[in-house]
Amino acid sequence: EESLQMWDLNKRLEAYLARVKFLEEENEVLRAEIQSAKSGPAGDSWRAKYEEELRALRDALDVAFREKCTAELARDNLYEEVQQVKSRCQKEQAAREEAKKQLSLSRKELEEERRAQIWLKERAVQLEKEVEALLEVHEEEKAGLDQEIASFSHSLESFRCAPVAFQPVEVEDYSKRLSEIWKGAVETYKAEVAQLEGSLCQAKENLWKAVEDNQQSQLQLQHLEKDLAGLKARKEMLEESLARQWQEQRGEAEKFQLAMEALEQEQQSLRVQIARVLEDRQQLMHLKMSLSLEVATYRTLLEAESSRLQVPAG
């Protein structure tokens, strides 16, 4: 029975030793392959290629970050320019409102001047009518006085006394008084007419000034409208360019995000592969250690058995 056990143990030991030898050879082969992969040109080229691609992607990421920074700066500059255009538009709108207010005031002044001119014309017509009435009354009074003088002269001729002895003092005084009244009325009329002419000239000057101010206001309003249309067109163009740049930046950011995700996936797969290789190596090490322990155990058993068999023989 002991010989059968020893024979069985020898068979098992041979199988274990063959297995250990095979595993050691396989381990050496794997170690050589790993070493060759690490130090060989193919591994170096693969690693160099990977590092080169990683460096290129990092450079592309840096370039994209710089482009993003420049795009943000351009966007901020465009936003500031749009704000300036908006403020300028607001100022021009305020100036336009002020011009409209001045135009309305000028129109009101023009209407007032027209009303004043109409009133002055009506007043002049009224004064002319009054002067014509005064002239008619004066003519009538003069005609009446002439008739009275003629009748008085006829009555004087009927007398026999000399005409030198009669002096119509009252008639001369009346005629002098009438002539003085006529002169005063004429001077008053002339003064009123001169005053009316002066006010009429002043009204004409004010009217011309109002018309010129109105024309200048209209020209200024047209210039402001042209500037406003140009600013609106420039604002639309800037908004379109900003939207276009924003879309381009968004597309580039999406592309870089996809590239980063691909790189992260590749890195994750490489980590998984490295972890798998390390796990396989660790399993091989554990297997080698277990086999070494079994070999040492069987050796101690064989040595103990051989020593036990040799002691009775001795």
Foldseek 3Di string as FASTA:
>chain_A
DVVVVVVVLVVVLVVLVVVLVVLVVVVVVVVVVVVCLCPPPVVVVVVVVVVVVVVVLVVVVVVLVVVVVVLVVVLVVLVVVLVVLVVVLVVLVVVLVVLVVVLVVLVVVLVVLVVVLVVLVVVVVVLVVVVVVVVVVLVVVVVVLVVVVVVVVVVVVPDPDDPVVDDPPVSVVVVVVSVVVVVVVVVVSVVVVVVSVVVNVVSVVSNVVSVVSNVVSVVVSVVSVVVSVVSVVVSVVSVVVSVVSVVVSVVVVVVSVVVVVVVVVVVVVVVVVVVVVVVVVVVSVVVSVVSVVVSVVSVVVVVVVVVVVVVVVD
